Each structure stands twice: as structure tokens, then as C-alpha cells.
């Protein structure tokens, strides 16, 4: 959702933005209700087995080879920062309720900047993951085609949480873009 906030901010306050960096986002929220079944199962499973709920959720957000690597050693600190155990706790404790998800889905469903993208003049870096199920390549390509001053970088063998899976590569792209 951060990408949507950034798009709307750039549209409403163009003078207050210099550049945009959009990672795994899109310009319209259509399709979010398709996830309702998966999320309902997640909420139910989270009550009984937080760890299994996390691994099921990972199927939506991470590339399968990365999931395998996390499962092999849940205590391993990726990029020296976080482990699967950390993510399990973060994803399953004190998190959104089914009602929160419904409100989020409604907000996502209402989001559509398609007709306004051409009004965003800022240099924009799009970072996309090859296996992102929530913001697929087609959608990221549409964003790139409709933003007048954008470029897109694809990271192979990555899912929606590309910023976790390939943090050094994502950070390098961002820093290079900001320094241009």
C-alpha cells in the first residue's frame, strides 16, 4: 500500500516530491477480494498454529526457493538483520483482524490511479519481482508504460517481499537511483 500512498502524494503535492521509488506495487486495486479465502484461512490457522499460518502466508509473498531456505534454518539471520523466526512473530502476533482485512480490501479495491499516472512527472524507479503474485510483471509493466519518467528493474527468482529476499540488491538500486 505504500506505493499507492506515494502515487497519491505525488499527484496531490507534486512540488513536495523529487523522485518516487515504487517496489512491488500497482496502480489499481482490482483483484484483492480474490485473496479473501486465503486470508480467511490464514486468520483461522493463526489461532491454532501461528507457524503454519506464516508458512502458508509466505506462499503469497515469497519466492518458493527462499521459503525453502528460511524453513531449512528458521534462526538464520538473513542479511544479518532478521530470521524466519522474527518474521513468524511479526506476521502472526498483534496483527490485523479479519475486520481490518475487510477494510483494507475495500480501500485497495477503491484505489485506481490509472488515468492519473501521466500526471506524475517525477523520475520514478519501479522495482518488480519476477514471481510477485500480488503485483505481477504485467501490472508493473503497465505502471512503467503509463508513468512518463519511469524505469523498471526486475529481480529474478523473487516474490512480493523482494525487499527482504534481495535486500542488498534492492538497496543498491535505490541508492544508485537517488544519487542520479
N, C-alpha and C. Protein backbone atom coordinates (compact mmCIF):
# COMPACT_ATOMS: atom_id res chain seq x y z
N UNK A 1 0.81 -1.20 0.00
CA UNK A 1 0.00 0.00 0.00
C UNK A 1 0.85 1.26 0.00
N UNK A 2 2.10 1.15 0.41
CA UNK A 2 2.97 2.32 0.42
C UNK A 2 3.13 2.94 -0.95
N UNK A 3 3.15 2.10 -1.98
CA UNK A 3 3.26 2.60 -3.34
C UNK A 3 2.05 3.42 -3.74
N UNK A 4 0.89 3.05 -3.23
CA UNK A 4 -0.33 3.80 -3.53
C UNK A 4 -0.29 5.16 -2.82
N UNK A 5 0.19 5.14 -1.59
CA UNK A 5 0.32 6.40 -0.86
C UNK A 5 1.28 7.32 -1.61
N UNK A 6 2.40 6.77 -2.06
CA UNK A 6 3.39 7.57 -2.79
C UNK A 6 2.81 8.14 -4.08
N UNK A 7 2.07 7.33 -4.82
CA UNK A 7 1.45 7.82 -6.06
C UNK A 7 0.49 8.97 -5.77
N UNK A 8 -0.36 8.78 -4.79
CA UNK A 8 -1.34 9.81 -4.46
C UNK A 8 -0.69 11.07 -3.89
N UNK A 9 0.36 10.89 -3.12
CA UNK A 9 1.10 12.04 -2.59
C UNK A 9 1.70 12.85 -3.74
N UNK A 10 2.34 12.15 -4.69
CA UNK A 10 2.96 12.83 -5.84
C UNK A 10 1.91 13.56 -6.68
N UNK A 11 0.72 12.99 -6.77
CA UNK A 11 -0.35 13.65 -7.52
C UNK A 11 -0.89 14.87 -6.79
N UNK A 12 -1.05 14.75 -5.49
CA UNK A 12 -1.65 15.84 -4.71
C UNK A 12 -0.65 16.95 -4.38
N UNK A 13 0.60 16.56 -4.14
CA UNK A 13 1.63 17.53 -3.75
C UNK A 13 2.88 17.36 -4.62
N UNK A 14 2.77 17.58 -5.91
CA UNK A 14 3.91 17.33 -6.80
C UNK A 14 5.16 18.13 -6.44
N UNK A 15 4.98 19.30 -5.88
CA UNK A 15 6.12 20.14 -5.52
C UNK A 15 6.87 19.62 -4.30
N UNK A 16 6.27 18.69 -3.56
CA UNK A 16 6.90 18.18 -2.34
C UNK A 16 7.63 16.86 -2.56
N UNK A 17 7.59 16.38 -3.79
CA UNK A 17 8.29 15.13 -4.11
C UNK A 17 9.36 15.43 -5.16
N UNK A 18 10.45 14.70 -5.08
CA UNK A 18 11.52 14.85 -6.05
C UNK A 18 11.59 13.63 -6.95
N UNK A 19 11.56 12.47 -6.33
CA UNK A 19 11.62 11.20 -7.05
C UNK A 19 10.67 10.23 -6.35
N UNK A 20 10.27 9.19 -7.08
CA UNK A 20 9.45 8.12 -6.50
C UNK A 20 10.18 6.80 -6.65
N UNK A 21 10.05 5.98 -5.64
CA UNK A 21 10.54 4.61 -5.69
C UNK A 21 9.36 3.73 -5.33
N UNK A 22 8.95 2.90 -6.27
CA UNK A 22 7.78 2.04 -6.08
C UNK A 22 8.23 0.59 -6.19
N UNK A 23 8.08 -0.16 -5.12
CA UNK A 23 8.51 -1.55 -5.07
C UNK A 23 7.29 -2.45 -4.97
N UNK A 24 7.12 -3.33 -5.95
CA UNK A 24 6.02 -4.30 -5.91
C UNK A 24 4.67 -3.67 -5.63
N UNK A 25 4.30 -2.70 -6.42
CA UNK A 25 3.02 -2.02 -6.22
C UNK A 25 2.23 -2.07 -7.52
N UNK A 26 1.14 -1.37 -7.56
CA UNK A 26 0.37 -1.26 -8.80
C UNK A 26 -0.44 0.01 -8.78
N UNK A 27 -1.22 0.20 -9.81
CA UNK A 27 -1.99 1.43 -9.96
C UNK A 27 -3.47 1.24 -9.77
N UNK A 28 -3.89 0.01 -9.58
CA UNK A 28 -5.31 -0.25 -9.34
C UNK A 28 -5.43 -1.45 -8.42
N UNK A 29 -6.47 -1.43 -7.61
CA UNK A 29 -6.60 -2.44 -6.58
C UNK A 29 -7.45 -3.64 -6.96
N UNK A 30 -7.86 -3.72 -8.18
CA UNK A 30 -8.73 -4.82 -8.60
C UNK A 30 -8.11 -6.16 -8.26
N UNK A 31 -8.93 -7.08 -7.80
CA UNK A 31 -8.48 -8.43 -7.56
C UNK A 31 -8.18 -8.77 -6.12
N UNK A 32 -8.15 -7.78 -5.24
CA UNK A 32 -7.80 -8.05 -3.85
C UNK A 32 -8.79 -9.00 -3.18
N UNK A 33 -10.05 -8.93 -3.58
CA UNK A 33 -11.05 -9.80 -2.95
C UNK A 33 -10.84 -11.27 -3.31
N UNK A 34 -10.04 -11.52 -4.36
CA UNK A 34 -9.71 -12.91 -4.69
C UNK A 34 -8.90 -13.55 -3.57
N UNK A 35 -8.21 -12.75 -2.78
CA UNK A 35 -7.38 -13.27 -1.69
C UNK A 35 -8.17 -13.53 -0.42
N UNK A 36 -9.43 -13.15 -0.40
CA UNK A 36 -10.19 -13.26 0.84
C UNK A 36 -10.21 -14.67 1.41
N UNK A 37 -10.33 -15.67 0.53
CA UNK A 37 -10.33 -17.06 1.00
C UNK A 37 -9.01 -17.42 1.67
N UNK A 38 -7.91 -17.05 1.04
CA UNK A 38 -6.58 -17.32 1.60
C UNK A 38 -6.41 -16.62 2.94
N UNK A 39 -6.85 -15.38 3.01
CA UNK A 39 -6.69 -14.63 4.25
C UNK A 39 -7.62 -15.16 5.34
N UNK A 40 -8.81 -15.61 4.99
CA UNK A 40 -9.70 -16.21 5.99
C UNK A 40 -9.06 -17.45 6.60
N UNK A 41 -8.46 -18.29 5.72
CA UNK A 41 -7.76 -19.47 6.21
C UNK A 41 -6.59 -19.06 7.11
N UNK A 42 -5.87 -18.01 6.70
CA UNK A 42 -4.74 -17.52 7.50
C UNK A 42 -5.21 -17.12 8.89
N UNK A 43 -6.31 -16.36 8.99
CA UNK A 43 -6.80 -15.90 10.29
C UNK A 43 -7.21 -17.08 11.17
N UNK A 44 -7.87 -18.07 10.58
CA UNK A 44 -8.29 -19.25 11.35
C UNK A 44 -7.07 -20.06 11.80
N UNK A 45 -6.16 -20.31 10.88
CA UNK A 45 -4.97 -21.10 11.21
C UNK A 45 -4.09 -20.38 12.22
N UNK A 46 -4.04 -19.07 12.16
CA UNK A 46 -3.22 -18.29 13.09
C UNK A 46 -3.64 -18.53 14.53
N UNK A 47 -4.93 -18.80 14.76
CA UNK A 47 -5.42 -19.08 16.12
C UNK A 47 -4.86 -20.39 16.65
N UNK A 48 -4.68 -21.37 15.75
CA UNK A 48 -4.28 -22.71 16.16
C UNK A 48 -2.78 -22.97 16.02
N UNK A 49 -2.19 -22.46 14.93
CA UNK A 49 -0.80 -22.78 14.63
C UNK A 49 -0.15 -21.60 13.90
N UNK A 50 0.42 -20.69 14.68
CA UNK A 50 0.98 -19.46 14.11
C UNK A 50 2.07 -19.75 13.09
N UNK A 51 2.89 -20.72 13.39
CA UNK A 51 4.00 -21.02 12.48
C UNK A 51 3.48 -21.51 11.12
N UNK A 52 2.50 -22.42 11.13
CA UNK A 52 1.95 -22.91 9.87
C UNK A 52 1.22 -21.79 9.12
N UNK A 53 0.55 -20.92 9.86
CA UNK A 53 -0.12 -19.78 9.23
C UNK A 53 0.90 -18.91 8.50
N UNK A 54 2.05 -18.69 9.13
CA UNK A 54 3.11 -17.90 8.49
C UNK A 54 3.59 -18.57 7.21
N UNK A 55 3.88 -19.87 7.27
CA UNK A 55 4.41 -20.56 6.08
C UNK A 55 3.38 -20.55 4.95
N UNK A 56 2.11 -20.68 5.28
CA UNK A 56 1.08 -20.59 4.23
C UNK A 56 1.03 -19.18 3.63
N UNK A 57 1.14 -18.17 4.48
CA UNK A 57 1.15 -16.78 4.02
C UNK A 57 2.35 -16.52 3.10
N UNK A 58 3.46 -17.15 3.41
CA UNK A 58 4.68 -16.98 2.59
C UNK A 58 4.46 -17.38 1.14
N UNK A 59 3.54 -18.30 0.91
CA UNK A 59 3.28 -18.72 -0.48
C UNK A 59 2.79 -17.56 -1.33
N UNK A 60 2.18 -16.56 -0.71
CA UNK A 60 1.72 -15.36 -1.43
C UNK A 60 2.82 -14.31 -1.56
N UNK A 61 3.76 -14.31 -0.62
CA UNK A 61 4.67 -13.18 -0.53
C UNK A 61 6.13 -13.46 -0.88
N UNK A 62 6.52 -14.73 -0.89
CA UNK A 62 7.94 -15.06 -1.12
C UNK A 62 8.10 -16.07 -2.25
N UNK A 63 9.26 -16.03 -2.86
CA UNK A 63 9.63 -17.00 -3.88
C UNK A 63 9.88 -18.34 -3.20
N UNK A 64 9.45 -19.43 -3.82
CA UNK A 64 9.48 -20.74 -3.15
C UNK A 64 10.88 -21.19 -2.73
N UNK A 65 11.93 -20.87 -3.50
CA UNK A 65 13.29 -21.25 -3.10
C UNK A 65 13.69 -20.50 -1.83
N UNK A 66 13.23 -19.28 -1.69
CA UNK A 66 13.54 -18.51 -0.49
C UNK A 66 12.79 -19.09 0.71
N UNK A 67 11.57 -19.53 0.50
CA UNK A 67 10.81 -20.17 1.58
C UNK A 67 11.56 -21.41 2.05
N UNK A 68 12.05 -22.19 1.10
CA UNK A 68 12.81 -23.39 1.44
C UNK A 68 14.03 -23.05 2.29
N UNK A 69 14.72 -21.99 1.90
CA UNK A 69 15.91 -21.57 2.63
C UNK A 69 15.55 -21.13 4.05
N UNK A 70 14.45 -20.41 4.21
CA UNK A 70 14.02 -19.99 5.55
C UNK A 70 13.62 -21.19 6.39
N UNK A 71 12.91 -22.15 5.78
CA UNK A 71 12.47 -23.33 6.52
C UNK A 71 13.65 -24.19 6.96
N UNK A 72 14.69 -24.24 6.14
CA UNK A 72 15.85 -25.07 6.46
C UNK A 72 16.54 -24.61 7.74
N UNK A 73 16.52 -23.31 8.00
CA UNK A 73 17.14 -22.78 9.21
C UNK A 73 16.39 -21.53 9.65
N UNK A 74 15.28 -21.72 10.39
CA UNK A 74 14.45 -20.58 10.79
C UNK A 74 15.17 -19.54 11.66
N UNK A 75 16.33 -19.92 12.23
CA UNK A 75 17.06 -18.98 13.08
C UNK A 75 18.12 -18.19 12.30
N UNK A 76 18.36 -18.58 11.05
CA UNK A 76 19.37 -17.91 10.24
C UNK A 76 19.01 -16.44 10.07
N UNK A 77 19.98 -15.57 10.32
CA UNK A 77 19.78 -14.13 10.14
C UNK A 77 20.09 -13.77 8.69
N UNK A 78 19.06 -13.43 7.93
CA UNK A 78 19.24 -13.02 6.54
C UNK A 78 19.76 -11.59 6.51
N UNK A 79 20.79 -11.40 5.72
CA UNK A 79 21.43 -10.09 5.58
C UNK A 79 21.85 -9.54 6.95
N UNK A 80 22.04 -10.46 7.92
CA UNK A 80 22.46 -10.08 9.25
C UNK A 80 21.40 -9.32 10.04
N UNK A 81 20.16 -9.35 9.58
CA UNK A 81 19.13 -8.50 10.18
C UNK A 81 17.95 -9.23 10.79
N UNK A 82 17.43 -10.23 10.12
CA UNK A 82 16.19 -10.86 10.56
C UNK A 82 16.22 -12.34 10.20
N UNK A 83 15.39 -13.09 10.89
CA UNK A 83 15.28 -14.53 10.64
C UNK A 83 13.82 -14.87 10.35
N UNK A 84 13.60 -16.09 9.91
CA UNK A 84 12.23 -16.56 9.71
C UNK A 84 11.47 -16.50 11.04
N UNK A 85 12.16 -16.84 12.13
CA UNK A 85 11.50 -16.76 13.44
C UNK A 85 11.03 -15.33 13.74
N UNK A 86 11.85 -14.35 13.37
CA UNK A 86 11.44 -12.95 13.56
C UNK A 86 10.20 -12.63 12.74
N UNK A 87 10.18 -13.10 11.50
CA UNK A 87 9.03 -12.83 10.62
C UNK A 87 7.78 -13.55 11.10
N UNK A 88 7.94 -14.76 11.62
CA UNK A 88 6.78 -15.50 12.15
C UNK A 88 6.14 -14.68 13.26
N UNK A 89 6.96 -14.19 14.16
CA UNK A 89 6.43 -13.39 15.27
C UNK A 89 5.77 -12.11 14.73
N UNK A 90 6.45 -11.42 13.84
CA UNK A 90 5.93 -10.16 13.30
C UNK A 90 4.62 -10.36 12.52
N UNK A 91 4.52 -11.46 11.79
CA UNK A 91 3.36 -11.72 10.93
C UNK A 91 2.16 -12.23 11.70
N UNK A 92 2.39 -12.89 12.83
CA UNK A 92 1.28 -13.58 13.48
C UNK A 92 0.86 -13.00 14.83
N UNK A 93 1.64 -12.12 15.41
CA UNK A 93 1.28 -11.56 16.71
C UNK A 93 0.81 -10.12 16.57
N UNK A 94 -0.27 -9.79 17.25
CA UNK A 94 -0.80 -8.42 17.25
C UNK A 94 -0.95 -7.86 15.85
N UNK A 95 -1.49 -8.66 14.98
CA UNK A 95 -1.64 -8.23 13.59
C UNK A 95 -3.11 -7.99 13.27
N UNK A 96 -3.36 -7.70 12.02
CA UNK A 96 -4.71 -7.33 11.60
C UNK A 96 -5.73 -8.43 11.87
N UNK A 97 -6.94 -7.98 12.09
CA UNK A 97 -8.06 -8.88 12.31
C UNK A 97 -8.78 -9.09 10.97
N UNK A 98 -9.69 -10.05 10.91
CA UNK A 98 -10.48 -10.20 9.68
C UNK A 98 -11.22 -8.90 9.31
N UNK A 99 -11.71 -8.18 10.30
CA UNK A 99 -12.39 -6.90 10.03
C UNK A 99 -11.40 -5.88 9.44
N UNK A 100 -10.20 -5.83 10.01
CA UNK A 100 -9.16 -4.94 9.46
C UNK A 100 -8.88 -5.29 8.01
N UNK A 101 -8.79 -6.59 7.73
CA UNK A 101 -8.50 -7.02 6.36
C UNK A 101 -9.63 -6.61 5.41
N UNK A 102 -10.86 -6.72 5.86
CA UNK A 102 -12.01 -6.31 5.04
C UNK A 102 -11.92 -4.83 4.71
N UNK A 103 -11.59 -4.01 5.70
CA UNK A 103 -11.44 -2.57 5.46
C UNK A 103 -10.28 -2.30 4.50
N UNK A 104 -9.19 -3.02 4.67
CA UNK A 104 -8.05 -2.88 3.78
C UNK A 104 -8.43 -3.28 2.36
N UNK A 105 -9.12 -4.40 2.22
CA UNK A 105 -9.53 -4.87 0.89
C UNK A 105 -10.45 -3.85 0.21
N UNK A 106 -11.36 -3.26 0.98
CA UNK A 106 -12.25 -2.24 0.40
C UNK A 106 -11.45 -1.02 -0.06
N UNK A 107 -10.47 -0.60 0.74
CA UNK A 107 -9.64 0.55 0.35
C UNK A 107 -8.82 0.23 -0.89
N UNK A 108 -8.28 -0.98 -0.93
CA UNK A 108 -7.48 -1.40 -2.08
C UNK A 108 -8.36 -1.46 -3.32
N UNK A 109 -9.54 -2.01 -3.16
CA UNK A 109 -10.47 -2.13 -4.28
C UNK A 109 -10.81 -0.76 -4.88
N UNK A 110 -10.85 0.25 -4.04
CA UNK A 110 -11.22 1.59 -4.49
C UNK A 110 -10.05 2.35 -5.13
N UNK A 111 -8.83 1.87 -4.91
CA UNK A 111 -7.65 2.58 -5.42
C UNK A 111 -7.51 2.39 -6.93
N UNK A 112 -7.38 3.48 -7.65
CA UNK A 112 -7.11 3.41 -9.10
C UNK A 112 -6.54 4.74 -9.57
N UNK A 113 -5.25 4.74 -9.85
CA UNK A 113 -4.60 5.95 -10.37
C UNK A 113 -4.31 5.82 -11.87
N UNK A 114 -4.88 4.82 -12.51
CA UNK A 114 -4.59 4.54 -13.92
C UNK A 114 -4.66 5.79 -14.79
N UNK A 115 -5.74 6.54 -14.69
CA UNK A 115 -5.94 7.71 -15.54
C UNK A 115 -5.12 8.92 -15.12
N UNK A 116 -4.44 8.82 -13.98
CA UNK A 116 -3.67 9.97 -13.47
C UNK A 116 -2.16 9.76 -13.55
N UNK A 117 -1.73 8.55 -13.90
CA UNK A 117 -0.29 8.27 -13.89
C UNK A 117 0.50 9.22 -14.78
N UNK A 118 -0.07 9.62 -15.90
CA UNK A 118 0.63 10.52 -16.82
C UNK A 118 0.88 11.89 -16.20
N UNK A 119 0.21 12.19 -15.10
CA UNK A 119 0.38 13.48 -14.41
C UNK A 119 1.51 13.45 -13.38
N UNK A 120 2.16 12.31 -13.23
CA UNK A 120 3.27 12.19 -12.28
C UNK A 120 4.56 12.40 -13.06
N UNK A 121 5.16 13.59 -12.97
CA UNK A 121 6.34 13.90 -13.78
C UNK A 121 7.66 13.43 -13.16
N UNK A 122 7.63 13.03 -11.93
CA UNK A 122 8.86 12.73 -11.19
C UNK A 122 9.60 11.53 -11.76
N UNK A 123 10.93 11.58 -11.74
CA UNK A 123 11.68 10.37 -12.06
C UNK A 123 11.22 9.27 -11.10
N UNK A 124 10.92 8.12 -11.66
CA UNK A 124 10.36 7.03 -10.85
C UNK A 124 11.10 5.73 -11.12
N UNK A 125 11.55 5.10 -10.05
CA UNK A 125 12.16 3.79 -10.12
C UNK A 125 11.12 2.76 -9.71
N UNK A 126 10.86 1.81 -10.58
CA UNK A 126 9.97 0.69 -10.27
C UNK A 126 10.84 -0.53 -10.05
N UNK A 127 10.65 -1.20 -8.93
CA UNK A 127 11.36 -2.45 -8.65
C UNK A 127 10.31 -3.54 -8.59
N UNK A 128 10.48 -4.53 -9.47
CA UNK A 128 9.50 -5.60 -9.59
C UNK A 128 10.18 -6.95 -9.39
N UNK A 129 9.42 -7.90 -8.89
CA UNK A 129 9.92 -9.25 -8.69
C UNK A 129 9.31 -10.18 -9.74
N UNK A 130 10.11 -11.07 -10.25
CA UNK A 130 9.67 -11.95 -11.33
C UNK A 130 8.50 -12.85 -10.94
N UNK A 131 8.40 -13.18 -9.67
CA UNK A 131 7.35 -14.10 -9.22
C UNK A 131 6.43 -13.46 -8.18
N UNK A 132 6.16 -12.19 -8.34
CA UNK A 132 5.28 -11.47 -7.42
C UNK A 132 3.83 -11.79 -7.78
N UNK A 133 3.15 -12.47 -6.87
CA UNK A 133 1.76 -12.85 -7.11
C UNK A 133 0.78 -11.71 -6.82
N UNK A 134 1.21 -10.73 -6.04
CA UNK A 134 0.33 -9.63 -5.67
C UNK A 134 0.48 -8.42 -6.60
N UNK A 135 1.66 -8.24 -7.15
CA UNK A 135 1.92 -7.17 -8.13
C UNK A 135 2.68 -7.78 -9.30
N UNK A 136 1.99 -8.54 -10.14
CA UNK A 136 2.67 -9.29 -11.21
C UNK A 136 3.35 -8.40 -12.25
N UNK A 137 4.23 -9.02 -13.01
CA UNK A 137 5.01 -8.34 -14.04
C UNK A 137 4.12 -7.52 -14.97
N UNK A 138 3.01 -8.06 -15.39
CA UNK A 138 2.10 -7.36 -16.30
C UNK A 138 1.67 -6.01 -15.71
N UNK A 139 1.33 -6.00 -14.44
CA UNK A 139 0.87 -4.78 -13.77
C UNK A 139 2.02 -3.79 -13.64
N UNK A 140 3.20 -4.29 -13.29
CA UNK A 140 4.37 -3.40 -13.17
C UNK A 140 4.74 -2.82 -14.54
N UNK A 141 4.61 -3.63 -15.59
CA UNK A 141 4.86 -3.12 -16.94
C UNK A 141 3.86 -2.03 -17.32
N UNK A 142 2.59 -2.21 -16.93
CA UNK A 142 1.57 -1.18 -17.19
C UNK A 142 1.93 0.12 -16.48
N UNK A 143 2.38 0.00 -15.24
CA UNK A 143 2.80 1.19 -14.50
C UNK A 143 3.93 1.89 -15.24
N UNK A 144 4.92 1.11 -15.65
CA UNK A 144 6.07 1.67 -16.36
C UNK A 144 5.65 2.35 -17.66
N UNK A 145 4.72 1.73 -18.37
CA UNK A 145 4.25 2.30 -19.64
C UNK A 145 3.48 3.60 -19.45
N UNK A 146 2.83 3.76 -18.31
CA UNK A 146 1.97 4.92 -18.09
C UNK A 146 2.60 6.05 -17.28
N UNK A 147 3.71 5.77 -16.62
CA UNK A 147 4.43 6.83 -15.92
C UNK A 147 5.42 7.44 -16.91
N UNK A 148 5.35 8.75 -17.14
CA UNK A 148 6.16 9.35 -18.20
C UNK A 148 7.66 9.36 -17.97
N UNK A 149 8.10 9.24 -16.74
CA UNK A 149 9.52 9.38 -16.44
C UNK A 149 9.99 8.23 -15.54
N UNK A 150 9.65 7.01 -15.95
CA UNK A 150 9.96 5.85 -15.10
C UNK A 150 10.90 4.88 -15.80
N UNK A 151 11.50 4.08 -14.96
CA UNK A 151 12.26 2.93 -15.46
C UNK A 151 11.97 1.77 -14.52
N UNK A 152 12.08 0.57 -15.06
CA UNK A 152 11.74 -0.61 -14.26
C UNK A 152 12.94 -1.53 -14.16
N UNK A 153 13.11 -2.09 -12.98
CA UNK A 153 14.16 -3.08 -12.72
C UNK A 153 13.46 -4.34 -12.21
N UNK A 154 13.72 -5.46 -12.90
CA UNK A 154 13.15 -6.74 -12.47
C UNK A 154 14.20 -7.55 -11.73
N UNK A 155 13.80 -8.14 -10.63
CA UNK A 155 14.67 -9.03 -9.88
C UNK A 155 14.12 -10.44 -10.04
N UNK A 156 14.95 -11.29 -10.59
CA UNK A 156 14.54 -12.67 -10.88
C UNK A 156 14.49 -13.51 -9.61
N UNK A 157 13.66 -14.54 -9.65
CA UNK A 157 13.52 -15.50 -8.56
C UNK A 157 13.21 -14.81 -7.24
N UNK A 158 12.24 -13.91 -7.29
CA UNK A 158 11.84 -13.16 -6.10
C UNK A 158 10.32 -13.04 -6.08
N UNK A 159 9.79 -12.87 -4.87
CA UNK A 159 8.36 -12.70 -4.68
C UNK A 159 8.02 -11.28 -4.24
N UNK A 160 6.81 -11.09 -3.76
CA UNK A 160 6.31 -9.77 -3.39
C UNK A 160 7.21 -9.08 -2.36
N UNK A 161 7.79 -9.85 -1.47
CA UNK A 161 8.68 -9.27 -0.46
C UNK A 161 10.13 -9.29 -0.93
N UNK A 162 10.33 -8.86 -2.17
CA UNK A 162 11.65 -8.79 -2.79
C UNK A 162 12.62 -7.98 -1.92
N UNK A 163 12.12 -6.99 -1.22
CA UNK A 163 12.96 -6.14 -0.37
C UNK A 163 13.55 -6.92 0.81
N UNK A 164 12.94 -8.04 1.17
CA UNK A 164 13.51 -8.91 2.19
C UNK A 164 14.41 -9.96 1.55
N UNK A 165 13.94 -10.54 0.47
CA UNK A 165 14.66 -11.62 -0.20
C UNK A 165 15.99 -11.15 -0.78
N UNK A 166 15.98 -9.98 -1.37
CA UNK A 166 17.16 -9.44 -2.05
C UNK A 166 17.48 -8.04 -1.54
N UNK A 167 17.52 -7.88 -0.23
CA UNK A 167 17.73 -6.55 0.37
C UNK A 167 18.97 -5.84 -0.18
N UNK A 168 20.13 -6.47 -0.26
CA UNK A 168 21.30 -5.74 -0.77
C UNK A 168 21.11 -5.25 -2.21
N UNK A 169 20.54 -6.08 -3.06
CA UNK A 169 20.32 -5.70 -4.45
C UNK A 169 19.29 -4.57 -4.56
N UNK A 170 18.20 -4.67 -3.82
CA UNK A 170 17.17 -3.63 -3.82
C UNK A 170 17.76 -2.32 -3.29
N UNK A 171 18.49 -2.40 -2.19
CA UNK A 171 19.09 -1.19 -1.61
C UNK A 171 20.08 -0.54 -2.58
N UNK A 172 20.85 -1.35 -3.29
CA UNK A 172 21.81 -0.82 -4.27
C UNK A 172 21.07 -0.07 -5.38
N UNK A 173 20.00 -0.66 -5.91
CA UNK A 173 19.21 0.00 -6.94
C UNK A 173 18.65 1.34 -6.45
N UNK A 174 18.15 1.33 -5.23
CA UNK A 174 17.57 2.55 -4.66
C UNK A 174 18.63 3.63 -4.48
N UNK A 175 19.77 3.27 -3.90
CA UNK A 175 20.83 4.26 -3.68
C UNK A 175 21.36 4.83 -4.99
N UNK A 176 21.54 3.97 -5.98
CA UNK A 176 22.01 4.45 -7.28
C UNK A 176 21.00 5.43 -7.88
N UNK A 177 19.73 5.10 -7.79
CA UNK A 177 18.67 5.97 -8.32
C UNK A 177 18.64 7.32 -7.59
N UNK A 178 18.75 7.28 -6.28
CA UNK A 178 18.72 8.52 -5.51
C UNK A 178 19.93 9.41 -5.79
N UNK A 179 21.04 8.79 -6.13
CA UNK A 179 22.27 9.55 -6.41
C UNK A 179 22.36 10.04 -7.84
N UNK A 180 21.43 9.68 -8.70
CA UNK A 180 21.46 10.13 -10.10
C UNK A 180 21.12 11.61 -10.20
